[in-house]
Amino acid sequence: MALQFPDIDPIIVKFGPFDIFGHSFEPALRWYGFMYLVGFIAAMVLLNRKADRSNGIWNREQVSDLLFYSFLGVILGGRIGYVLVYHFDYFLADPLYLFKITEGGMSFHGGLVGVILAMLFIAVRQKRSFWAVSDMVAPVVPIGLGAGRIGNFINGELWGRTTDVPWGMVFPNGGPLPRHPSQLYQFALEGVVLFLLLYWFSKRTSKAGAVSGMFLLGYGIFRCVAELVRQPDAQMGYYWLGLTMGQILSIPMILFGLYLIFRKDKHIAAIKPVKGKQ
């Protein structure tokens, strides 16, 4: 007897319908988008608290800028990365597919690239080292990752491979056989465990880039583990040695994370307190 996927409406509430210039539309608040909002608010609260305790190195106005550009990086990078890596054929057939966000599709690795570019922009704008910015952001990222995986579960998407474990679940679009609820595995690993790991590690190191390195290492390992039971995208399948695209993209993260953690340079660039609103 397999568990049945809970009947959860992916839409929390609908607004409308509205009619503008003869076109009817009905906007809605969806659980997946709401989870992004939860992650953003949680990150804002934690980063503001860190800024308040930074003795003037950070202030709330600077944190606000960091969050704004990082959020843009997540959305734009995540969407562009998904389309170019996972559905490039759709993009070639219809370039406007890039803007069809309502049809779903976000890539973590694309979002990571977007956030890196946002952090580079903030580092230059606020005259900080890049590692000062990335080490500030890294510990709060798992909150958004975990919230996103809960959103994936509610949507009944990104389920795992078929299984006979007692907690195997039959998903509406996953066929009649029970599957691993891999979204919940990823919530636990990439969300809860990674958050606790980074919180613990950040209290025990002062080396520039080390916390960022632990994030890359931890996420890369956890993603590779989760991919062992997660069903790969139908259009992607498996690659060399049975690796999935998620594993291929995560391996460089693991290697670079190890480099940042164990590199010999322990110098931290001096950061002068910046005047502004606290």
Protein backbone atom coordinates (compact mmCIF):
# COMPACT_ATOMS: atom_id res chain seq x y z
CA MET A 1 0.00 0.00 0.00
CA ALA A 2 1.63 3.21 -1.19
CA LEU A 3 0.99 6.66 0.16
CA GLN A 4 -1.23 8.84 -2.00
CA PHE A 5 -0.18 12.36 -2.84
CA PRO A 6 -2.28 14.76 -0.73
CA ASP A 7 -4.89 16.65 -2.72
CA ILE A 8 -3.43 20.15 -2.37
CA ASP A 9 -4.64 22.95 -4.60
CA PRO A 10 -1.49 24.70 -5.90
CA ILE A 11 -3.47 27.97 -5.94
CA ILE A 12 -4.02 29.65 -2.58
CA VAL A 13 -6.40 32.34 -3.77
CA LYS A 14 -7.57 33.82 -7.08
CA PHE A 15 -8.22 37.47 -7.83
CA GLY A 16 -10.65 38.63 -10.46
CA PRO A 17 -11.39 37.86 -13.19
CA PHE A 18 -10.42 41.19 -14.71
CA ASP A 19 -11.03 42.45 -18.20
CA ILE A 20 -8.59 44.90 -19.76
CA PHE A 21 -8.83 45.95 -23.39
CA GLY A 22 -11.02 42.98 -24.15
CA HIS A 23 -8.65 40.43 -22.60
CA SER A 24 -9.79 38.53 -19.52
CA PHE A 25 -7.27 37.34 -16.96
CA GLU A 26 -7.42 35.96 -13.44
CA PRO A 27 -4.27 36.47 -11.36
CA ALA A 28 -3.67 34.07 -8.52
CA LEU A 29 -1.40 33.57 -5.54
CA ARG A 30 0.20 30.14 -5.82
CA TRP A 31 1.91 28.11 -3.14
CA TYR A 32 5.12 27.95 -5.17
CA GLY A 33 5.38 31.73 -5.42
CA PHE A 34 4.36 32.06 -1.77
CA MET A 35 7.26 29.80 -0.79
CA TYR A 36 9.66 32.16 -2.57
CA LEU A 37 8.13 35.01 -0.57
CA VAL A 38 8.61 33.08 2.69
CA GLY A 39 12.26 32.48 1.85
CA PHE A 40 12.79 36.14 0.95
CA ILE A 41 11.21 37.42 4.18
CA ALA A 42 13.16 34.96 6.33
CA ALA A 43 16.42 35.97 4.62
CA MET A 44 15.58 39.65 5.17
CA VAL A 45 14.95 39.13 8.89
CA LEU A 46 18.17 37.16 9.44
CA LEU A 47 20.37 39.47 7.36
CA ASN A 48 19.00 42.57 9.09
CA ARG A 49 19.77 40.95 12.43
CA LYS A 50 23.33 40.20 11.28
CA ALA A 51 23.70 43.78 10.06
CA ASP A 52 22.54 45.16 13.42
CA ARG A 53 25.24 43.11 15.13
CA SER A 54 28.05 43.92 12.67
CA ASN A 55 29.32 47.04 14.48
CA GLY A 56 28.73 49.25 11.48
CA ILE A 57 30.21 46.96 8.82
CA TRP A 58 26.70 46.45 7.38
CA ASN A 59 23.51 48.45 7.73
CA ARG A 60 19.91 47.69 6.81
CA GLU A 61 19.90 49.89 3.73
CA GLN A 62 22.83 47.93 2.30
CA VAL A 63 21.12 44.66 3.16
CA SER A 64 18.01 45.87 1.34
CA ASP A 65 20.06 46.52 -1.81
CA LEU A 66 21.72 43.12 -1.49
CA LEU A 67 18.37 41.35 -1.17
CA PHE A 68 16.81 43.22 -4.08
CA TYR A 69 19.56 42.42 -6.57
CA SER A 70 19.94 38.87 -5.28
CA PHE A 71 16.21 38.29 -5.76
CA LEU A 72 16.48 39.56 -9.34
CA GLY A 73 19.44 37.25 -9.85
CA VAL A 74 17.49 34.24 -8.58
CA ILE A 75 14.47 34.89 -10.80
CA LEU A 76 16.29 35.91 -13.99
CA GLY A 77 19.17 33.48 -13.63
CA GLY A 78 16.92 30.62 -12.58
CA ARG A 79 14.59 31.07 -15.52
CA ILE A 80 17.29 31.66 -18.13
CA GLY A 81 19.34 28.73 -16.82
CA TYR A 82 16.33 26.40 -16.94
CA VAL A 83 15.39 27.35 -20.48
CA LEU A 84 18.92 27.20 -21.90
CA VAL A 85 19.96 23.98 -20.15
CA TYR A 86 16.77 21.95 -19.89
CA HIS A 87 14.55 23.26 -22.72
CA PHE A 88 16.83 24.88 -25.26
CA ASP A 89 14.82 23.21 -28.03
CA TYR A 90 11.70 25.03 -26.85
CA PHE A 91 13.62 28.31 -26.89
CA LEU A 92 14.84 27.74 -30.45
CA ALA A 93 11.30 26.98 -31.60
CA ASP A 94 9.79 29.90 -29.69
CA PRO A 95 12.14 32.49 -28.08
CA LEU A 96 9.16 33.91 -26.17
CA TYR A 97 9.11 30.67 -24.16
CA LEU A 98 11.73 32.35 -22.00
CA PHE A 99 9.03 34.68 -20.67
CA LYS A 100 6.34 32.03 -20.12
CA ILE A 101 7.03 31.81 -16.42
CA THR A 102 3.49 30.59 -15.66
CA GLU A 103 4.38 27.32 -17.39
CA GLY A 104 6.98 26.67 -14.69
CA GLY A 105 10.68 25.97 -14.84
CA MET A 106 13.48 27.31 -12.62
CA SER A 107 17.05 26.08 -12.34
CA PHE A 108 19.03 26.28 -9.09
CA HIS A 109 22.36 26.43 -10.90
CA GLY A 110 21.10 29.22 -13.18
CA GLY A 111 19.82 31.07 -10.12
CA LEU A 112 23.23 30.61 -8.48
CA VAL A 113 24.93 32.28 -11.44
CA GLY A 114 22.42 35.12 -11.21
CA VAL A 115 23.08 35.61 -7.50
CA ILE A 116 26.86 35.55 -8.04
CA LEU A 117 26.50 38.36 -10.59
CA ALA A 118 24.30 40.27 -8.15
CA MET A 119 26.86 39.86 -5.36
CA LEU A 120 29.64 41.04 -7.67
CA PHE A 121 27.59 44.16 -8.43
CA ILE A 122 26.99 44.81 -4.73
CA ALA A 123 30.65 44.23 -3.89
CA VAL A 124 31.72 46.86 -6.42
CA ARG A 125 28.95 49.27 -5.51
CA GLN A 126 29.58 49.06 -1.75
CA LYS A 127 33.36 48.76 -2.12
CA ARG A 128 33.65 45.40 -0.38
CA SER A 129 35.47 42.21 -1.20
CA PHE A 130 33.33 39.66 -3.02
CA TRP A 131 33.85 37.13 -0.22
CA ALA A 132 32.58 39.61 2.37
CA VAL A 133 29.30 39.73 0.45
CA SER A 134 29.04 36.02 -0.37
CA ASP A 135 29.89 34.93 3.20
CA MET A 136 27.12 37.24 4.40
CA VAL A 137 24.56 35.70 2.05
CA ALA A 138 25.49 32.01 2.06
CA PRO A 139 24.11 31.03 5.52
CA VAL A 140 20.57 32.23 4.68
CA VAL A 141 20.29 30.68 1.20
CA PRO A 142 19.17 27.24 2.49
CA ILE A 143 15.98 28.81 3.84
CA GLY A 144 14.90 29.77 0.33
CA LEU A 145 16.03 26.40 -1.04
CA GLY A 146 14.01 24.52 1.54
CA ALA A 147 10.93 26.66 0.97
CA GLY A 148 11.24 26.11 -2.77
CA ARG A 149 11.35 22.32 -2.33
CA ILE A 150 8.15 22.45 -0.31
CA GLY A 151 6.66 24.40 -3.20
CA ASN A 152 7.81 21.65 -5.60
CA PHE A 153 6.11 19.05 -3.42
CA ILE A 154 2.83 20.97 -3.27
CA ASN A 155 2.92 21.29 -7.07
CA GLY A 156 3.43 17.54 -7.36
CA GLU A 157 6.55 18.04 -9.51
CA LEU A 158 10.18 16.88 -9.49
CA TRP A 159 9.23 13.58 -7.89
CA GLY A 160 11.66 10.71 -7.44
CA ARG A 161 12.22 7.37 -9.09
CA THR A 162 9.95 4.40 -8.53
CA THR A 163 10.48 2.62 -5.22
CA ASP A 164 9.08 -0.01 -2.84
CA VAL A 165 9.99 1.81 0.40
CA PRO A 166 7.06 2.13 2.85
CA TRP A 167 6.89 5.91 2.34
CA GLY A 168 6.79 5.69 -1.45
CA MET A 169 4.13 8.01 -2.85
CA VAL A 170 1.93 7.92 -5.94
CA PHE A 171 2.05 11.35 -7.61
CA PRO A 172 -0.78 12.54 -9.91
CA ASN A 173 1.54 12.97 -12.91
CA GLY A 174 4.05 10.29 -11.99
CA GLY A 175 2.20 7.21 -13.15
CA PRO A 176 0.59 4.43 -11.08
CA LEU A 177 3.75 3.29 -9.27
CA PRO A 178 4.97 4.74 -5.94
CA ARG A 179 7.94 7.06 -6.10
CA HIS A 180 10.42 8.61 -3.72
CA PRO A 181 9.14 11.97 -2.42
CA SER A 182 12.51 13.41 -3.39
CA GLN A 183 11.30 16.98 -2.94
CA LEU A 184 11.03 16.29 0.80
CA TYR A 185 14.47 14.68 0.85
CA GLN A 186 15.87 17.82 -0.75
CA PHE A 187 13.95 20.01 1.70
CA ALA A 188 15.59 18.14 4.56
CA LEU A 189 19.11 18.11 3.07
CA GLU A 190 19.35 21.39 1.14
CA GLY A 191 17.11 23.29 3.53
CA VAL A 192 17.35 22.09 7.13
CA VAL A 193 20.68 20.22 7.29
CA LEU A 194 22.57 22.72 5.11
CA PHE A 195 21.25 25.65 7.15
CA LEU A 196 22.40 24.05 10.42
CA LEU A 197 25.76 23.11 8.90
CA LEU A 198 26.44 26.66 7.70
CA TYR A 199 25.29 28.17 10.99
CA TRP A 200 27.69 25.89 12.88
CA PHE A 201 30.58 26.41 10.45
CA SER A 202 30.23 30.19 10.28
CA LYS A 203 30.83 30.37 14.05
CA ARG A 204 34.10 28.47 13.70
CA THR A 205 35.93 30.16 10.85
CA SER A 206 37.08 33.65 9.96
CA LYS A 207 38.75 32.81 6.65
CA ALA A 208 37.36 34.82 3.75
CA GLY A 209 35.33 32.64 1.39
CA ALA A 210 35.28 29.61 3.70
CA VAL A 211 31.57 29.89 4.52
CA SER A 212 30.79 30.29 0.82
CA GLY A 213 32.94 27.25 0.16
CA MET A 214 31.02 25.20 2.72
CA PHE A 215 27.77 26.20 1.05
CA LEU A 216 29.06 25.06 -2.35
CA LEU A 217 30.43 21.83 -0.88
CA GLY A 218 27.33 21.05 1.17
CA TYR A 219 24.82 21.82 -1.54
CA GLY A 220 26.84 19.97 -4.17
CA ILE A 221 27.05 16.81 -2.06
CA PHE A 222 23.41 16.92 -0.98
CA ARG A 223 22.22 17.51 -4.54
CA CYS A 224 24.30 14.62 -5.86
CA VAL A 225 22.86 12.35 -3.15
CA ALA A 226 19.28 13.44 -3.87
CA GLU A 227 19.79 12.87 -7.60
CA LEU A 228 20.36 9.17 -6.87
CA VAL A 229 16.62 8.82 -6.19
CA ARG A 230 15.21 11.82 -8.09
CA GLN A 231 13.69 11.16 -11.51
CA PRO A 232 15.75 13.04 -14.11
CA ASP A 233 13.95 15.31 -16.55
CA ALA A 234 12.50 13.25 -19.38
CA GLN A 235 14.23 15.30 -22.07
CA MET A 236 17.61 15.00 -20.31
CA GLY A 237 17.96 11.44 -19.03
CA TYR A 238 21.37 10.13 -17.95
CA TYR A 239 24.86 11.00 -19.12
CA TRP A 240 28.37 9.63 -18.70
CA LEU A 241 28.59 6.95 -15.97
CA GLY A 242 24.87 7.33 -15.34
CA LEU A 243 25.20 10.87 -14.02
CA THR A 244 22.28 13.28 -14.21
CA MET A 245 22.55 16.90 -15.30
CA GLY A 246 22.03 17.97 -11.67
CA GLN A 247 25.06 15.91 -10.61
CA ILE A 248 27.22 17.13 -13.50
CA LEU A 249 26.50 20.76 -12.58
CA SER A 250 27.09 20.10 -8.87
CA ILE A 251 30.49 18.41 -9.13
CA PRO A 252 32.33 21.69 -9.95
CA MET A 253 30.60 23.24 -6.92
CA ILE A 254 32.02 20.51 -4.69
CA LEU A 255 35.55 20.93 -6.04
CA PHE A 256 35.55 24.73 -5.79
CA GLY A 257 33.98 24.54 -2.34
CA LEU A 258 36.83 22.31 -1.14
CA TYR A 259 39.34 24.76 -2.59
CA LEU A 260 37.79 27.72 -0.73
CA ILE A 261 37.70 25.85 2.57
CA PHE A 262 41.23 24.45 2.50
CA ARG A 263 43.19 27.12 0.62
CA LYS A 264 46.13 28.47 2.59
CA ASP A 265 45.33 32.19 2.26
CA LYS A 266 43.77 33.23 5.58
CA HIS A 267 43.93 36.96 4.98
CA ILE A 268 40.66 38.85 5.28
CA ALA A 269 40.49 42.14 3.42
CA ALA A 270 39.87 45.06 5.77
CA ILE A 271 36.35 46.39 5.58
CA LYS A 272 35.70 49.82 6.93
CA PRO A 273 32.34 50.54 8.54
CA VAL A 274 30.04 52.33 6.14
CA LYS A 275 27.91 55.17 7.40
CA GLY A 276 24.19 54.83 6.83
CA LYS A 277 20.89 53.92 8.39
CA GLN A 278 21.03 51.20 11.01
